[in-house]
Amino acid sequence: MNLAHAADVAFAAASPPGGGGSGAVVTQLLFFAAIFAIFWFLLIRPQQKQKRERETMLGALKRAIAWSRRAGCTGRSRASTR
């Protein structure tokens, strides 16, 4: 196979200019929307929920309250700097 024949095959396989482009755009937009939805539900949404829970916990923390961690560490809180 020579170079000229390879070029002819490549141009024959390409879609005609201006033809059938709208379907490709819709498919590409749906693909990007699906990727965004996956990122939203797996990364962004859980992080926002965790941040909300942390802010609620820090807001409820009072001076000299006793606390304990799951690992068994215990202690008392000091005055808040917030």
PDB file of N, CA and C in Angstrom:
ATOM      1  N   MET A   1       0.868  -1.170   0.000  1.00  0.00           N
ATOM      2  CA  MET A   1       0.000   0.000   0.000  1.00  0.00           C
ATOM      3  C   MET A   1       0.910   1.227   0.000  1.00  0.00           C
ATOM      4  N   ASN A   2       0.692   2.089  -0.947  1.00  0.00           N
ATOM      5  CA  ASN A   2       1.520   3.297  -0.988  1.00  0.00           C
ATOM      6  C   ASN A   2       0.830   4.449  -0.263  1.00  0.00           C
ATOM      7  N   LEU A   3       1.528   5.556  -0.120  1.00  0.00           N
ATOM      8  CA  LEU A   3       1.052   6.703   0.647  1.00  0.00           C
ATOM      9  C   LEU A   3      -0.187   7.342   0.018  1.00  0.00           C
ATOM     10  N   ALA A   4      -0.237   7.405  -1.287  1.00  0.00           N
ATOM     11  CA  ALA A   4      -1.390   8.007  -1.960  1.00  0.00           C
ATOM     12  C   ALA A   4      -2.650   7.173  -1.719  1.00  0.00           C
ATOM     13  N   HIS A   5      -2.514   5.869  -1.769  1.00  0.00           N
ATOM     14  CA  HIS A   5      -3.660   4.996  -1.534  1.00  0.00           C
ATOM     15  C   HIS A   5      -4.145   5.111  -0.085  1.00  0.00           C
ATOM     16  N   ALA A   6      -3.203   5.211   0.868  1.00  0.00           N
ATOM     17  CA  ALA A   6      -3.569   5.356   2.278  1.00  0.00           C
ATOM     18  C   ALA A   6      -4.321   6.663   2.508  1.00  0.00           C
ATOM     19  N   ALA A   7      -3.910   7.729   1.843  1.00  0.00           N
ATOM     20  CA  ALA A   7      -4.592   9.016   1.970  1.00  0.00           C
ATOM     21  C   ALA A   7      -5.998   8.936   1.390  1.00  0.00           C
ATOM     22  N   ASP A   8      -6.155   8.258   0.254  1.00  0.00           N
ATOM     23  CA  ASP A   8      -7.488   8.102  -0.339  1.00  0.00           C
ATOM     24  C   ASP A   8      -8.420   7.331   0.587  1.00  0.00           C
ATOM     25  N   VAL A   9      -7.921   6.290   1.223  1.00  0.00           N
ATOM     26  CA  VAL A   9      -8.727   5.493   2.144  1.00  0.00           C
ATOM     27  C   VAL A   9      -9.126   6.337   3.351  1.00  0.00           C
ATOM     28  N   ALA A  10      -8.205   7.144   3.872  1.00  0.00           N
ATOM     29  CA  ALA A  10      -8.494   7.984   5.035  1.00  0.00           C
ATOM     30  C   ALA A  10      -9.552   9.029   4.698  1.00  0.00           C
ATOM     31  N   PHE A  11      -9.458   9.658   3.533  1.00  0.00           N
ATOM     32  CA  PHE A  11     -10.451  10.664   3.149  1.00  0.00           C
ATOM     33  C   PHE A  11     -11.805  10.029   2.860  1.00  0.00           C
ATOM     34  N   ALA A  12     -11.816   8.808   2.349  1.00  0.00           N
ATOM     35  CA  ALA A  12     -13.072   8.128   2.068  1.00  0.00           C
ATOM     36  C   ALA A  12     -13.784   7.741   3.370  1.00  0.00           C
ATOM     37  N   ALA A  13     -13.024   7.441   4.409  1.00  0.00           N
ATOM     38  CA  ALA A  13     -13.621   7.041   5.676  1.00  0.00           C
ATOM     39  C   ALA A  13     -14.132   8.238   6.472  1.00  0.00           C
ATOM     40  N   ALA A  14     -13.632   9.434   6.187  1.00  0.00           N
ATOM     41  CA  ALA A  14     -14.046  10.632   6.922  1.00  0.00           C
ATOM     42  C   ALA A  14     -15.467  11.020   6.530  1.00  0.00           C
ATOM     43  N   SER A  15     -16.169  11.647   7.477  1.00  0.00           N
ATOM     44  CA  SER A  15     -17.538  12.086   7.174  1.00  0.00           C
ATOM     45  C   SER A  15     -17.492  13.329   6.287  1.00  0.00           C
ATOM     46  N   PRO A  16     -18.511  13.531   5.478  1.00  0.00           N
ATOM     47  CA  PRO A  16     -18.527  14.711   4.613  1.00  0.00           C
ATOM     48  C   PRO A  16     -18.639  15.985   5.444  1.00  0.00           C
ATOM     49  N   PRO A  17     -18.068  17.080   4.984  1.00  0.00           N
ATOM     50  CA  PRO A  17     -18.125  18.326   5.749  1.00  0.00           C
ATOM     51  C   PRO A  17     -19.552  18.840   5.859  1.00  0.00           C
ATOM     52  N   GLY A  18     -19.940  19.197   7.078  1.00  0.00           N
ATOM     53  CA  GLY A  18     -21.273  19.754   7.287  1.00  0.00           C
ATOM     54  C   GLY A  18     -22.380  18.723   7.357  1.00  0.00           C
ATOM     55  N   GLY A  19     -22.084  17.480   7.194  1.00  0.00           N
ATOM     56  CA  GLY A  19     -23.136  16.469   7.201  1.00  0.00           C
ATOM     57  C   GLY A  19     -23.128  15.661   8.486  1.00  0.00           C
ATOM     58  N   GLY A  20     -24.263  15.559   9.153  1.00  0.00           N
ATOM     59  CA  GLY A  20     -24.400  14.718  10.334  1.00  0.00           C
ATOM     60  C   GLY A  20     -23.691  15.258  11.560  1.00  0.00           C
ATOM     61  N   GLY A  21     -23.437  16.541  11.630  1.00  0.00           N
ATOM     62  CA  GLY A  21     -22.730  17.116  12.753  1.00  0.00           C
ATOM     63  C   GLY A  21     -23.582  17.311  13.983  1.00  0.00           C
ATOM     64  N   SER A  22     -24.892  17.521  13.815  1.00  0.00           N
ATOM     65  CA  SER A  22     -25.745  17.821  14.962  1.00  0.00           C
ATOM     66  C   SER A  22     -25.889  16.611  15.887  1.00  0.00           C
ATOM     67  N   GLY A  23     -25.902  15.431  15.352  1.00  0.00           N
ATOM     68  CA  GLY A  23     -25.992  14.228  16.183  1.00  0.00           C
ATOM     69  C   GLY A  23     -24.740  14.034  17.019  1.00  0.00           C
ATOM     70  N   ALA A  24     -23.595  14.377  16.454  1.00  0.00           N
ATOM     71  CA  ALA A  24     -22.337  14.248  17.187  1.00  0.00           C
ATOM     72  C   ALA A  24     -22.273  15.257  18.327  1.00  0.00           C
ATOM     73  N   VAL A  25     -22.810  16.451  18.113  1.00  0.00           N
ATOM     74  CA  VAL A  25     -22.793  17.479  19.153  1.00  0.00           C
ATOM     75  C   VAL A  25     -23.672  17.050  20.322  1.00  0.00           C
ATOM     76  N   VAL A  26     -24.849  16.517  20.012  1.00  0.00           N
ATOM     77  CA  VAL A  26     -25.763  16.066  21.064  1.00  0.00           C
ATOM     78  C   VAL A  26     -25.129  14.923  21.852  1.00  0.00           C
ATOM     79  N   THR A  27     -24.497  13.999  21.171  1.00  0.00           N
ATOM     80  CA  THR A  27     -23.839  12.877  21.833  1.00  0.00           C
ATOM     81  C   THR A  27     -22.722  13.372  22.740  1.00  0.00           C
ATOM     82  N   GLN A  28     -21.947  14.330  22.261  1.00  0.00           N
ATOM     83  CA  GLN A  28     -20.851  14.870  23.054  1.00  0.00           C
ATOM     84  C   GLN A  28     -21.385  15.611  24.285  1.00  0.00           C
ATOM     85  N   LEU A  29     -22.454  16.372  24.126  1.00  0.00           N
ATOM     86  CA  LEU A  29     -23.045  17.075  25.266  1.00  0.00           C
ATOM     87  C   LEU A  29     -23.591  16.094  26.302  1.00  0.00           C
ATOM     88  N   LEU A  30     -24.224  15.033  25.847  1.00  0.00           N
ATOM     89  CA  LEU A  30     -24.722  14.011  26.773  1.00  0.00           C
ATOM     90  C   LEU A  30     -23.576  13.326  27.510  1.00  0.00           C
ATOM     91  N   PHE A  31     -22.491  13.090  26.805  1.00  0.00           N
ATOM     92  CA  PHE A  31     -21.317  12.474  27.430  1.00  0.00           C
ATOM     93  C   PHE A  31     -20.761  13.378  28.530  1.00  0.00           C
ATOM     94  N   PHE A  32     -20.603  14.676  28.245  1.00  0.00           N
ATOM     95  CA  PHE A  32     -20.086  15.595  29.255  1.00  0.00           C
ATOM     96  C   PHE A  32     -21.056  15.748  30.426  1.00  0.00           C
ATOM     97  N   ALA A  33     -22.350  15.725  30.162  1.00  0.00           N
ATOM     98  CA  ALA A  33     -23.332  15.800  31.243  1.00  0.00           C
ATOM     99  C   ALA A  33     -23.242  14.560  32.135  1.00  0.00           C
ATOM    100  N   ALA A  34     -23.044  13.407  31.540  1.00  0.00           N
ATOM    101  CA  ALA A  34     -22.902  12.175  32.324  1.00  0.00           C
ATOM    102  C   ALA A  34     -21.642  12.208  33.181  1.00  0.00           C
ATOM    103  N   ILE A  35     -20.539  12.692  32.627  1.00  0.00           N
ATOM    104  CA  ILE A  35     -19.292  12.799  33.395  1.00  0.00           C
ATOM    105  C   ILE A  35     -19.477  13.767  34.559  1.00  0.00           C
ATOM    106  N   PHE A  36     -20.135  14.908  34.321  1.00  0.00           N
ATOM    107  CA  PHE A  36     -20.385  15.877  35.385  1.00  0.00           C
ATOM    108  C   PHE A  36     -21.260  15.265  36.480  1.00  0.00           C
ATOM    109  N   ALA A  37     -22.289  14.518  36.100  1.00  0.00           N
ATOM    110  CA  ALA A  37     -23.168  13.882  37.082  1.00  0.00           C
ATOM    111  C   ALA A  37     -22.392  12.871  37.937  1.00  0.00           C
ATOM    112  N   ILE A  38     -21.518  12.121  37.318  1.00  0.00           N
ATOM    113  CA  ILE A  38     -20.712  11.157  38.060  1.00  0.00           C
ATOM    114  C   ILE A  38     -19.818  11.882  39.062  1.00  0.00           C
ATOM    115  N   PHE A  39     -19.144  12.945  38.618  1.00  0.00           N
ATOM    116  CA  PHE A  39     -18.299  13.717  39.525  1.00  0.00           C
ATOM    117  C   PHE A  39     -19.128  14.329  40.644  1.00  0.00           C
ATOM    118  N   TRP A  40     -20.317  14.800  40.329  1.00  0.00           N
ATOM    119  CA  TRP A  40     -21.166  15.441  41.334  1.00  0.00           C
ATOM    120  C   TRP A  40     -21.541  14.455  42.441  1.00  0.00           C
ATOM    121  N   PHE A  41     -22.028  13.283  42.038  1.00  0.00           N
ATOM    122  CA  PHE A  41     -22.513  12.325  43.026  1.00  0.00           C
ATOM    123  C   PHE A  41     -21.396  11.572  43.749  1.00  0.00           C
ATOM    124  N   LEU A  42     -20.222  11.447  43.144  1.00  0.00           N
ATOM    125  CA  LEU A  42     -19.147  10.702  43.789  1.00  0.00           C
ATOM    126  C   LEU A  42     -18.132  11.580  44.515  1.00  0.00           C
ATOM    127  N   LEU A  43     -18.005  12.843  44.115  1.00  0.00           N
ATOM    128  CA  LEU A  43     -16.971  13.689  44.718  1.00  0.00           C
ATOM    129  C   LEU A  43     -17.514  14.947  45.377  1.00  0.00           C
ATOM    130  N   ILE A  44     -18.236  15.755  44.648  1.00  0.00           N
ATOM    131  CA  ILE A  44     -18.621  17.080  45.137  1.00  0.00           C
ATOM    132  C   ILE A  44     -19.684  16.988  46.227  1.00  0.00           C
ATOM    133  N   ARG A  45     -20.738  16.249  45.983  1.00  0.00           N
ATOM    134  CA  ARG A  45     -21.845  16.169  46.945  1.00  0.00           C
ATOM    135  C   ARG A  45     -21.426  15.585  48.295  1.00  0.00           C
ATOM    136  N   PRO A  46     -20.683  14.460  48.334  1.00  0.00           N
ATOM    137  CA  PRO A  46     -20.245  13.944  49.641  1.00  0.00           C
ATOM    138  C   PRO A  46     -19.322  14.912  50.383  1.00  0.00           C
ATOM    139  N   GLN A  47     -18.486  15.638  49.649  1.00  0.00           N
ATOM    140  CA  GLN A  47     -17.590  16.586  50.288  1.00  0.00           C
ATOM    141  C   GLN A  47     -18.379  17.737  50.914  1.00  0.00           C
ATOM    142  N   GLN A  48     -19.397  18.218  50.226  1.00  0.00           N
ATOM    143  CA  GLN A  48     -20.236  19.283  50.777  1.00  0.00           C
ATOM    144  C   GLN A  48     -20.978  18.796  52.018  1.00  0.00           C
ATOM    145  N   LYS A  49     -21.469  17.571  51.972  1.00  0.00           N
ATOM    146  CA  LYS A  49     -22.179  17.007  53.121  1.00  0.00           C
ATOM    147  C   LYS A  49     -21.242  16.873  54.316  1.00  0.00           C
ATOM    148  N   GLN A  50     -20.021  16.415  54.081  1.00  0.00           N
ATOM    149  CA  GLN A  50     -19.044  16.269  55.155  1.00  0.00           C
ATOM    150  C   GLN A  50     -18.682  17.634  55.740  1.00  0.00           C
ATOM    151  N   LYS A  51     -18.563  18.640  54.898  1.00  0.00           N
ATOM    152  CA  LYS A  51     -18.254  19.988  55.377  1.00  0.00           C
ATOM    153  C   LYS A  51     -19.386  20.531  56.249  1.00  0.00           C
ATOM    154  N   ARG A  52     -20.637  20.313  55.819  1.00  0.00           N
ATOM    155  CA  ARG A  52     -21.803  20.747  56.605  1.00  0.00           C
ATOM    156  C   ARG A  52     -21.826  20.081  57.972  1.00  0.00           C
ATOM    157  N   GLU A  53     -21.580  18.765  58.007  1.00  0.00           N
ATOM    158  CA  GLU A  53     -21.575  18.030  59.270  1.00  0.00           C
ATOM    159  C   GLU A  53     -20.458  18.528  60.188  1.00  0.00           C
ATOM    160  N   ARG A  54     -19.295  18.823  59.621  1.00  0.00           N
ATOM    161  CA  ARG A  54     -18.174  19.321  60.425  1.00  0.00           C
ATOM    162  C   ARG A  54     -18.493  20.693  61.009  1.00  0.00           C
ATOM    163  N   GLU A  55     -19.087  21.577  60.202  1.00  0.00           N
ATOM    164  CA  GLU A  55     -19.453  22.901  60.695  1.00  0.00           C
ATOM    165  C   GLU A  55     -20.509  22.804  61.798  1.00  0.00           C
ATOM    166  N   THR A  56     -21.458  21.887  61.655  1.00  0.00           N
ATOM    167  CA  THR A  56     -22.475  21.675  62.690  1.00  0.00           C
ATOM    168  C   THR A  56     -21.824  21.177  63.978  1.00  0.00           C
ATOM    169  N   MET A  57     -20.886  20.249  63.841  1.00  0.00           N
ATOM    170  CA  MET A  57     -20.202  19.708  65.011  1.00  0.00           C
ATOM    171  C   MET A  57     -19.386  20.802  65.707  1.00  0.00           C
ATOM    172  N   LEU A  58     -18.653  21.602  64.947  1.00  0.00           N
ATOM    173  CA  LEU A  58     -17.845  22.658  65.548  1.00  0.00           C
ATOM    174  C   LEU A  58     -18.712  23.750  66.171  1.00  0.00           C
ATOM    175  N   GLY A  59     -19.880  23.995  65.588  1.00  0.00           N
ATOM    176  CA  GLY A  59     -20.794  24.977  66.161  1.00  0.00           C
ATOM    177  C   GLY A  59     -21.389  24.513  67.472  1.00  0.00           C
ATOM    178  N   ALA A  60     -21.552  23.221  67.632  1.00  0.00           N
ATOM    179  CA  ALA A  60     -22.146  22.676  68.854  1.00  0.00           C
ATOM    180  C   ALA A  60     -21.111  22.469  69.954  1.00  0.00           C
ATOM    181  N   LEU A  61     -19.836  22.601  69.644  1.00  0.00           N
ATOM    182  CA  LEU A  61     -18.785  22.386  70.623  1.00  0.00           C
ATOM    183  C   LEU A  61     -18.747  23.542  71.618  1.00  0.00           C
ATOM    184  N   LYS A  62     -18.782  23.218  72.885  1.00  0.00           N
ATOM    185  CA  LYS A  62     -18.781  24.232  73.941  1.00  0.00           C
ATOM    186  C   LYS A  62     -17.519  24.106  74.779  1.00  0.00           C
ATOM    187  N   ARG A  63     -17.282  25.106  75.598  1.00  0.00           N
ATOM    188  CA  ARG A  63     -16.088  25.106  76.430  1.00  0.00           C
ATOM    189  C   ARG A  63     -16.200  24.050  77.537  1.00  0.00           C
ATOM    190  N   ALA A  64     -15.098  23.372  77.772  1.00  0.00           N
ATOM    191  CA  ALA A  64     -14.957  22.376  78.823  1.00  0.00           C
ATOM    192  C   ALA A  64     -15.894  21.190  78.664  1.00  0.00           C
ATOM    193  N   ILE A  65     -16.240  20.864  77.458  1.00  0.00           N
ATOM    194  CA  ILE A  65     -17.074  19.677  77.236  1.00  0.00           C
ATOM    195  C   ILE A  65     -16.137  18.476  77.047  1.00  0.00           C
ATOM    196  N   ALA A  66     -16.496  17.366  77.601  1.00  0.00           N
ATOM    197  CA  ALA A  66     -15.699  16.151  77.467  1.00  0.00           C
ATOM    198  C   ALA A  66     -16.029  15.482  76.148  1.00  0.00           C
ATOM    199  N   TRP A  67     -15.018  14.944  75.506  1.00  0.00           N
ATOM    200  CA  TRP A  67     -15.219  14.268  74.233  1.00  0.00           C
ATOM    201  C   TRP A  67     -14.371  13.010  74.194  1.00  0.00           C
ATOM    202  N   SER A  68     -14.730  12.119  73.305  1.00  0.00           N
ATOM    203  CA  SER A  68     -13.925  10.917  73.098  1.00  0.00           C
ATOM    204  C   SER A  68     -13.965  10.564  71.619  1.00  0.00           C
ATOM    205  N   ARG A  69     -12.882   9.973  71.144  1.00  0.00           N
ATOM    206  CA  ARG A  69     -12.769   9.571  69.748  1.00  0.00           C
ATOM    207  C   ARG A  69     -13.023   8.078  69.637  1.00  0.00           C
ATOM    208  N   ARG A  70     -13.252   7.624  68.440  1.00  0.00           N
ATOM    209  CA  ARG A  70     -13.482   6.201  68.224  1.00  0.00           C
ATOM    210  C   ARG A  70     -12.263   5.364  68.603  1.00  0.00           C
ATOM    211  N   ALA A  71     -11.068   5.942  68.487  1.00  0.00           N
ATOM    212  CA  ALA A  71      -9.850   5.203  68.798  1.00  0.00           C
ATOM    213  C   ALA A  71      -9.612   5.088  70.302  1.00  0.00           C
ATOM    214  N   GLY A  72     -10.429   5.789  71.108  1.00  0.00           N
ATOM    215  CA  GLY A  72     -10.298   5.684  72.543  1.00  0.00           C
ATOM    216  C   GLY A  72      -9.676   6.905  73.197  1.00  0.00           C
ATOM    217  N   CYS A  73      -9.244   7.889  72.422  1.00  0.00           N
ATOM    218  CA  CYS A  73      -8.676   9.117  72.994  1.00  0.00           C
ATOM    219  C   CYS A  73      -9.802   9.932  73.606  1.00  0.00           C
ATOM    220  N   THR A  74      -9.537  10.487  74.781  1.00  0.00           N
ATOM    221  CA  THR A  74     -10.520  11.337  75.427  1.00  0.00           C
ATOM    222  C   THR A  74      -9.881  12.666  75.790  1.00  0.00           C
ATOM    223  N   GLY A  75     -10.695  13.675  76.046  1.00  0.00           N
ATOM    224  CA  GLY A  75     -10.157  14.980  76.417  1.00  0.00           C
ATOM    225  C   GLY A  75     -11.267  15.959  76.725  1.00  0.00           C
ATOM    226  N   ARG A  76     -10.859  17.209  76.954  1.00  0.00           N
ATOM    227  CA  ARG A  76     -11.804  18.285  77.207  1.00  0.00           C
ATOM    228  C   ARG A  76     -11.479  19.417  76.255  1.00  0.00           C
ATOM    229  N   SER A  77     -12.506  20.124  75.785  1.00  0.00           N
ATOM    230  CA  SER A  77     -12.292  21.212  74.845  1.00  0.00           C
ATOM    231  C   SER A  77     -11.913  22.494  75.598  1.00  0.00           C
ATOM    232  N   ARG A  78     -11.154  23.354  74.939  1.00  0.00           N
ATOM    233  CA  ARG A  78     -10.796  24.653  75.491  1.00  0.00           C
ATOM    234  C   ARG A  78     -11.667  25.715  74.851  1.00  0.00           C
ATOM    235  N   ALA A  79     -11.405  26.965  75.161  1.00  0.00           N
ATOM    236  CA  ALA A  79     -12.182  28.064  74.588  1.00  0.00           C
ATOM    237  C   ALA A  79     -12.013  28.074  73.073  1.00  0.00           C
ATOM    238  N   SER A  80     -13.085  28.314  72.393  1.00  0.00           N
ATOM    239  CA  SER A  80     -13.064  28.340  70.932  1.00  0.00           C
ATOM    240  C   SER A  80     -12.428  29.630  70.440  1.00  0.00           C
ATOM    241  N   THR A  81     -11.690  29.541  69.353  1.00  0.00           N
ATOM    242  CA  THR A  81     -11.067  30.726  68.766  1.00  0.00           C
ATOM    243  C   THR A  81     -11.973  31.358  67.722  1.00  0.00           C
ATOM    244  N   ARG A  82     -13.105  30.784  67.448  1.00  0.00           N
ATOM    245  CA  ARG A  82     -14.017  31.304  66.430  1.00  0.00           C
ATOM    246  C   ARG A  82     -14.971  32.309  66.989  1.00  0.00           C
TER     247      ARG A  82
END
